[in-house]
Amino acid sequence: VRKVQGFEFSGVGVVLHAVEHFSYHVGQVAFWVKQLTEADLGFYDHHDLTQIND
Protein backbone atom coordinates (compact mmCIF):
# COMPACT_ATOMS: atom_id res chain seq x y z
CA VAL A 1 0.00 0.00 0.00
CA ARG A 2 1.30 3.43 -0.99
CA LYS A 3 0.06 6.94 -0.32
CA VAL A 4 -0.66 9.07 -3.38
CA GLN A 5 -2.06 12.57 -2.89
CA GLY A 6 -3.23 11.59 0.58
CA PHE A 7 -5.01 8.40 -0.52
CA GLU A 8 -3.81 4.84 0.03
CA PHE A 9 -3.48 2.68 -3.07
CA SER A 10 -2.17 -0.78 -3.89
CA GLY A 11 0.52 -1.05 -6.57
CA VAL A 12 -2.13 -1.68 -9.22
CA GLY A 13 -4.17 1.21 -7.84
CA VAL A 14 -1.19 3.53 -8.24
CA VAL A 15 -0.79 2.51 -11.88
CA LEU A 16 -4.52 2.93 -12.57
CA HIS A 17 -4.50 6.33 -10.89
CA ALA A 18 -1.54 7.45 -13.01
CA VAL A 19 -3.12 6.20 -16.26
CA GLU A 20 -6.42 7.91 -15.41
CA HIS A 21 -4.62 11.15 -14.57
CA PHE A 22 -2.57 11.04 -17.78
CA SER A 23 -5.65 10.30 -19.92
CA TYR A 24 -7.41 13.32 -18.43
CA HIS A 25 -4.53 15.56 -19.56
CA VAL A 26 -4.53 13.95 -23.02
CA GLY A 27 -8.19 14.93 -23.29
CA GLN A 28 -7.35 18.49 -22.25
CA VAL A 29 -4.63 18.72 -24.90
CA ALA A 30 -6.96 17.31 -27.57
CA PHE A 31 -9.63 19.84 -26.58
CA TRP A 32 -7.27 22.81 -26.87
CA VAL A 33 -5.76 21.61 -30.16
CA LYS A 34 -9.30 21.34 -31.53
CA GLN A 35 -10.23 24.78 -30.25
CA LEU A 36 -7.10 26.56 -31.42
CA THR A 37 -6.89 24.93 -34.87
CA GLU A 38 -10.66 24.78 -35.46
CA ALA A 39 -10.07 21.31 -36.89
CA ASP A 40 -11.68 17.92 -36.40
CA LEU A 41 -9.01 15.63 -35.00
CA GLY A 42 -10.50 12.65 -36.83
CA PHE A 43 -10.25 10.14 -33.99
CA TYR A 44 -13.21 8.16 -35.37
CA ASP A 45 -12.91 8.81 -39.11
CA HIS A 46 -12.47 5.10 -39.86
CA HIS A 47 -15.64 4.13 -37.92
CA ASP A 48 -19.29 4.45 -38.92
CA LEU A 49 -20.71 5.83 -35.68
CA THR A 50 -24.29 5.41 -36.93
CA GLN A 51 -23.96 1.63 -37.36
CA ILE A 52 -25.84 -0.42 -34.77
CA ASN A 53 -23.84 -3.25 -33.21
CA ASP A 54 -25.44 -6.68 -32.83
PDB file of N, CA and C in Angstrom:
ATOM      1  N   VAL A   1       0.853  -1.186   0.000  1.00  0.00           N
ATOM      2  CA  VAL A   1       0.000   0.000   0.000  1.00  0.00           C
ATOM      3  C   VAL A   1       0.890   1.238   0.000  1.00  0.00           C
ATOM      4  N   ARG A   2       0.524   2.192  -0.868  1.00  0.00           N
ATOM      5  CA  ARG A   2       1.298   3.431  -0.985  1.00  0.00           C
ATOM      6  C   ARG A   2       0.354   4.619  -0.892  1.00  0.00           C
ATOM      7  N   LYS A   3       0.868   5.723  -0.375  1.00  0.00           N
ATOM      8  CA  LYS A   3       0.059   6.942  -0.318  1.00  0.00           C
ATOM      9  C   LYS A   3       0.328   7.792  -1.549  1.00  0.00           C
ATOM     10  N   VAL A   4      -0.742   8.186  -2.226  1.00  0.00           N
ATOM     11  CA  VAL A   4      -0.662   9.072  -3.384  1.00  0.00           C
ATOM     12  C   VAL A   4      -1.674  10.183  -3.155  1.00  0.00           C
ATOM     13  N   GLN A   5      -1.204  11.395  -3.090  1.00  0.00           N
ATOM     14  CA  GLN A   5      -2.057  12.565  -2.889  1.00  0.00           C
ATOM     15  C   GLN A   5      -2.988  12.378  -1.694  1.00  0.00           C
ATOM     16  N   GLY A   6      -2.468  11.765  -0.641  1.00  0.00           N
ATOM     17  CA  GLY A   6      -3.234  11.592   0.584  1.00  0.00           C
ATOM     18  C   GLY A   6      -4.126  10.364   0.621  1.00  0.00           C
ATOM     19  N   PHE A   7      -4.188   9.609  -0.465  1.00  0.00           N
ATOM     20  CA  PHE A   7      -5.007   8.397  -0.522  1.00  0.00           C
ATOM     21  C   PHE A   7      -4.105   7.178  -0.540  1.00  0.00           C
ATOM     22  N   GLU A   8      -4.580   6.079   0.035  1.00  0.00           N
ATOM     23  CA  GLU A   8      -3.809   4.840   0.033  1.00  0.00           C
ATOM     24  C   GLU A   8      -4.235   3.962  -1.137  1.00  0.00           C
ATOM     25  N   PHE A   9      -3.245   3.515  -1.901  1.00  0.00           N
ATOM     26  CA  PHE A   9      -3.485   2.676  -3.072  1.00  0.00           C
ATOM     27  C   PHE A   9      -2.581   1.459  -3.032  1.00  0.00           C
ATOM     28  N   SER A  10      -3.041   0.371  -3.650  1.00  0.00           N
ATOM     29  CA  SER A  10      -2.171  -0.777  -3.891  1.00  0.00           C
ATOM     30  C   SER A  10      -1.268  -0.423  -5.072  1.00  0.00           C
ATOM     31  N   GLY A  11      -0.342  -1.297  -5.408  1.00  0.00           N
ATOM     32  CA  GLY A  11       0.524  -1.050  -6.567  1.00  0.00           C
ATOM     33  C   GLY A  11      -0.274  -0.903  -7.848  1.00  0.00           C
ATOM     34  N   VAL A  12      -1.271  -1.770  -8.042  1.00  0.00           N
ATOM     35  CA  VAL A  12      -2.134  -1.683  -9.223  1.00  0.00           C
ATOM     36  C   VAL A  12      -2.939  -0.394  -9.172  1.00  0.00           C
ATOM     37  N   GLY A  13      -3.411  -0.026  -7.995  1.00  0.00           N
ATOM     38  CA  GLY A  13      -4.168   1.209  -7.837  1.00  0.00           C
ATOM     39  C   GLY A  13      -3.358   2.433  -8.214  1.00  0.00           C
ATOM     40  N   VAL A  14      -2.071   2.418  -7.873  1.00  0.00           N
ATOM     41  CA  VAL A  14      -1.186   3.531  -8.235  1.00  0.00           C
ATOM     42  C   VAL A  14      -1.085   3.638  -9.754  1.00  0.00           C
ATOM     43  N   VAL A  15      -0.896   2.509 -10.422  1.00  0.00           N
ATOM     44  CA  VAL A  15      -0.794   2.508 -11.885  1.00  0.00           C
ATOM     45  C   VAL A  15      -2.099   2.990 -12.509  1.00  0.00           C
ATOM     46  N   LEU A  16      -3.230   2.494 -12.037  1.00  0.00           N
ATOM     47  CA  LEU A  16      -4.520   2.926 -12.574  1.00  0.00           C
ATOM     48  C   LEU A  16      -4.745   4.418 -12.348  1.00  0.00           C
ATOM     49  N   HIS A  17      -4.367   4.903 -11.187  1.00  0.00           N
ATOM     50  CA  HIS A  17      -4.497   6.329 -10.889  1.00  0.00           C
ATOM     51  C   HIS A  17      -3.650   7.155 -11.856  1.00  0.00           C
ATOM     52  N   ALA A  18      -2.429   6.724 -12.101  1.00  0.00           N
ATOM     53  CA  ALA A  18      -1.535   7.449 -13.010  1.00  0.00           C
ATOM     54  C   ALA A  18      -2.071   7.442 -14.438  1.00  0.00           C
ATOM     55  N   VAL A  19      -2.570   6.299 -14.900  1.00  0.00           N
ATOM     56  CA  VAL A  19      -3.120   6.202 -16.257  1.00  0.00           C
ATOM     57  C   VAL A  19      -4.352   7.088 -16.389  1.00  0.00           C
ATOM     58  N   GLU A  20      -5.224   7.069 -15.394  1.00  0.00           N
ATOM     59  CA  GLU A  20      -6.421   7.909 -15.413  1.00  0.00           C
ATOM     60  C   GLU A  20      -6.037   9.388 -15.445  1.00  0.00           C
ATOM     61  N   HIS A  21      -5.074   9.763 -14.628  1.00  0.00           N
ATOM     62  CA  HIS A  21      -4.621  11.154 -14.569  1.00  0.00           C
ATOM     63  C   HIS A  21      -4.027  11.587 -15.912  1.00  0.00           C
ATOM     64  N   PHE A  22      -3.194  10.741 -16.488  1.00  0.00           N
ATOM     65  CA  PHE A  22      -2.575  11.040 -17.779  1.00  0.00           C
ATOM     66  C   PHE A  22      -3.632  11.166 -18.873  1.00  0.00           C
ATOM     67  N   SER A  23      -4.619  10.261 -18.875  1.00  0.00           N
ATOM     68  CA  SER A  23      -5.647  10.299 -19.918  1.00  0.00           C
ATOM     69  C   SER A  23      -6.481  11.570 -19.817  1.00  0.00           C
ATOM     70  N   TYR A  24      -6.686  12.065 -18.617  1.00  0.00           N
ATOM     71  CA  TYR A  24      -7.407  13.324 -18.432  1.00  0.00           C
ATOM     72  C   TYR A  24      -6.648  14.458 -19.120  1.00  0.00           C
ATOM     73  N   HIS A  25      -5.335  14.499 -18.927  1.00  0.00           N
ATOM     74  CA  HIS A  25      -4.533  15.555 -19.559  1.00  0.00           C
ATOM     75  C   HIS A  25      -4.482  15.393 -21.076  1.00  0.00           C
ATOM     76  N   VAL A  26      -4.472  14.170 -21.571  1.00  0.00           N
ATOM     77  CA  VAL A  26      -4.525  13.947 -23.022  1.00  0.00           C
ATOM     78  C   VAL A  26      -5.817  14.539 -23.578  1.00  0.00           C
ATOM     79  N   GLY A  27      -6.916  14.339 -22.874  1.00  0.00           N
ATOM     80  CA  GLY A  27      -8.187  14.927 -23.287  1.00  0.00           C
ATOM     81  C   GLY A  27      -8.147  16.443 -23.290  1.00  0.00           C
ATOM     82  N   GLN A  28      -7.490  17.033 -22.302  1.00  0.00           N
ATOM     83  CA  GLN A  28      -7.354  18.488 -22.253  1.00  0.00           C
ATOM     84  C   GLN A  28      -6.545  18.996 -23.443  1.00  0.00           C
ATOM     85  N   VAL A  29      -5.460  18.321 -23.758  1.00  0.00           N
ATOM     86  CA  VAL A  29      -4.632  18.725 -24.897  1.00  0.00           C
ATOM     87  C   VAL A  29      -5.425  18.602 -26.189  1.00  0.00           C
ATOM     88  N   ALA A  30      -6.150  17.498 -26.359  1.00  0.00           N
ATOM     89  CA  ALA A  30      -6.962  17.314 -27.567  1.00  0.00           C
ATOM     90  C   ALA A  30      -8.002  18.420 -27.679  1.00  0.00           C
ATOM     91  N   PHE A  31      -8.641  18.770 -26.573  1.00  0.00           N
ATOM     92  CA  PHE A  31      -9.633  19.841 -26.580  1.00  0.00           C
ATOM     93  C   PHE A  31      -9.016  21.147 -27.062  1.00  0.00           C
ATOM     94  N   TRP A  32      -7.872  21.520 -26.503  1.00  0.00           N
ATOM     95  CA  TRP A  32      -7.266  22.807 -26.871  1.00  0.00           C
ATOM     96  C   TRP A  32      -6.728  22.805 -28.291  1.00  0.00           C
ATOM     97  N   VAL A  33      -6.200  21.684 -28.762  1.00  0.00           N
ATOM     98  CA  VAL A  33      -5.757  21.607 -30.159  1.00  0.00           C
ATOM     99  C   VAL A  33      -6.950  21.820 -31.073  1.00  0.00           C
ATOM    100  N   LYS A  34      -8.073  21.178 -30.740  1.00  0.00           N
ATOM    101  CA  LYS A  34      -9.296  21.336 -31.533  1.00  0.00           C
ATOM    102  C   LYS A  34      -9.778  22.781 -31.527  1.00  0.00           C
ATOM    103  N   GLN A  35      -9.759  23.407 -30.366  1.00  0.00           N
ATOM    104  CA  GLN A  35     -10.230  24.784 -30.245  1.00  0.00           C
ATOM    105  C   GLN A  35      -9.329  25.758 -30.997  1.00  0.00           C
ATOM    106  N   LEU A  36      -8.038  25.596 -30.845  1.00  0.00           N
ATOM    107  CA  LEU A  36      -7.095  26.556 -31.424  1.00  0.00           C
ATOM    108  C   LEU A  36      -6.914  26.385 -32.926  1.00  0.00           C
ATOM    109  N   THR A  37      -7.069  25.162 -33.428  1.00  0.00           N
ATOM    110  CA  THR A  37      -6.887  24.926 -34.865  1.00  0.00           C
ATOM    111  C   THR A  37      -8.207  24.910 -35.615  1.00  0.00           C
ATOM    112  N   GLU A  38      -9.329  24.885 -34.863  1.00  0.00           N
ATOM    113  CA  GLU A  38     -10.660  24.780 -35.462  1.00  0.00           C
ATOM    114  C   GLU A  38     -10.740  23.602 -36.434  1.00  0.00           C
ATOM    115  N   ALA A  39     -10.128  22.497 -36.035  1.00  0.00           N
ATOM    116  CA  ALA A  39     -10.074  21.311 -36.890  1.00  0.00           C
ATOM    117  C   ALA A  39     -10.653  20.105 -36.161  1.00  0.00           C
ATOM    118  N   ASP A  40     -11.243  19.205 -36.933  1.00  0.00           N
ATOM    119  CA  ASP A  40     -11.683  17.922 -36.404  1.00  0.00           C
ATOM    120  C   ASP A  40     -10.453  17.030 -36.317  1.00  0.00           C
ATOM    121  N   LEU A  41     -10.207  16.446 -35.168  1.00  0.00           N
ATOM    122  CA  LEU A  41      -9.007  15.634 -35.002  1.00  0.00           C
ATOM    123  C   LEU A  41      -9.127  14.262 -35.653  1.00  0.00           C
ATOM    124  N   GLY A  42     -10.324  13.871 -36.050  1.00  0.00           N
ATOM    125  CA  GLY A  42     -10.502  12.651 -36.827  1.00  0.00           C
ATOM    126  C   GLY A  42     -10.246  11.365 -36.074  1.00  0.00           C
ATOM    127  N   PHE A  43     -10.496  11.353 -34.772  1.00  0.00           N
ATOM    128  CA  PHE A  43     -10.253  10.140 -33.992  1.00  0.00           C
ATOM    129  C   PHE A  43     -11.099   8.958 -34.464  1.00  0.00           C
ATOM    130  N   TYR A  44     -12.297   9.228 -34.991  1.00  0.00           N
ATOM    131  CA  TYR A  44     -13.212   8.155 -35.373  1.00  0.00           C
ATOM    132  C   TYR A  44     -13.530   8.174 -36.859  1.00  0.00           C
ATOM    133  N   ASP A  45     -12.667   8.735 -37.668  1.00  0.00           N
ATOM    134  CA  ASP A  45     -12.910   8.811 -39.109  1.00  0.00           C
ATOM    135  C   ASP A  45     -13.089   7.439 -39.753  1.00  0.00           C
ATOM    136  N   HIS A  46     -12.413   6.427 -39.255  1.00  0.00           N
ATOM    137  CA  HIS A  46     -12.469   5.095 -39.864  1.00  0.00           C
ATOM    138  C   HIS A  46     -13.620   4.243 -39.310  1.00  0.00           C
ATOM    139  N   HIS A  47     -14.495   4.841 -38.481  1.00  0.00           N
ATOM    140  CA  HIS A  47     -15.644   4.127 -37.924  1.00  0.00           C
ATOM    141  C   HIS A  47     -16.944   4.782 -38.376  1.00  0.00           C
ATOM    142  N   ASP A  48     -17.942   3.954 -38.649  1.00  0.00           N
ATOM    143  CA  ASP A  48     -19.286   4.451 -38.920  1.00  0.00           C
ATOM    144  C   ASP A  48     -20.016   4.497 -37.581  1.00  0.00           C
ATOM    145  N   LEU A  49     -20.136   5.689 -37.010  1.00  0.00           N
ATOM    146  CA  LEU A  49     -20.714   5.826 -35.683  1.00  0.00           C
ATOM    147  C   LEU A  49     -22.233   5.707 -35.678  1.00  0.00           C
ATOM    148  N   THR A  50     -22.836   5.596 -36.867  1.00  0.00           N
ATOM    149  CA  THR A  50     -24.286   5.414 -36.933  1.00  0.00           C
ATOM    150  C   THR A  50     -24.674   3.944 -37.042  1.00  0.00           C
ATOM    151  N   GLN A  51     -23.693   3.068 -37.225  1.00  0.00           N
ATOM    152  CA  GLN A  51     -23.958   1.635 -37.361  1.00  0.00           C
ATOM    153  C   GLN A  51     -24.339   1.037 -36.004  1.00  0.00           C
ATOM    154  N   ILE A  52     -25.391   0.238 -35.996  1.00  0.00           N
ATOM    155  CA  ILE A  52     -25.842  -0.419 -34.770  1.00  0.00           C
ATOM    156  C   ILE A  52     -25.120  -1.754 -34.634  1.00  0.00           C
ATOM    157  N   ASN A  53     -24.531  -1.989 -33.472  1.00  0.00           N
ATOM    158  CA  ASN A  53     -23.840  -3.253 -33.205  1.00  0.00           C
ATOM    159  C   ASN A  53     -24.839  -4.320 -32.803  1.00  0.00           C
ATOM    160  N   ASP A  54     -24.566  -5.555 -33.206  1.00  0.00           N
ATOM    161  CA  ASP A  54     -25.435  -6.678 -32.831  1.00  0.00           C
ATOM    162  C   ASP A  54     -25.053  -7.215 -31.477  1.00  0.00           C
TER     163      ASP A  54
END
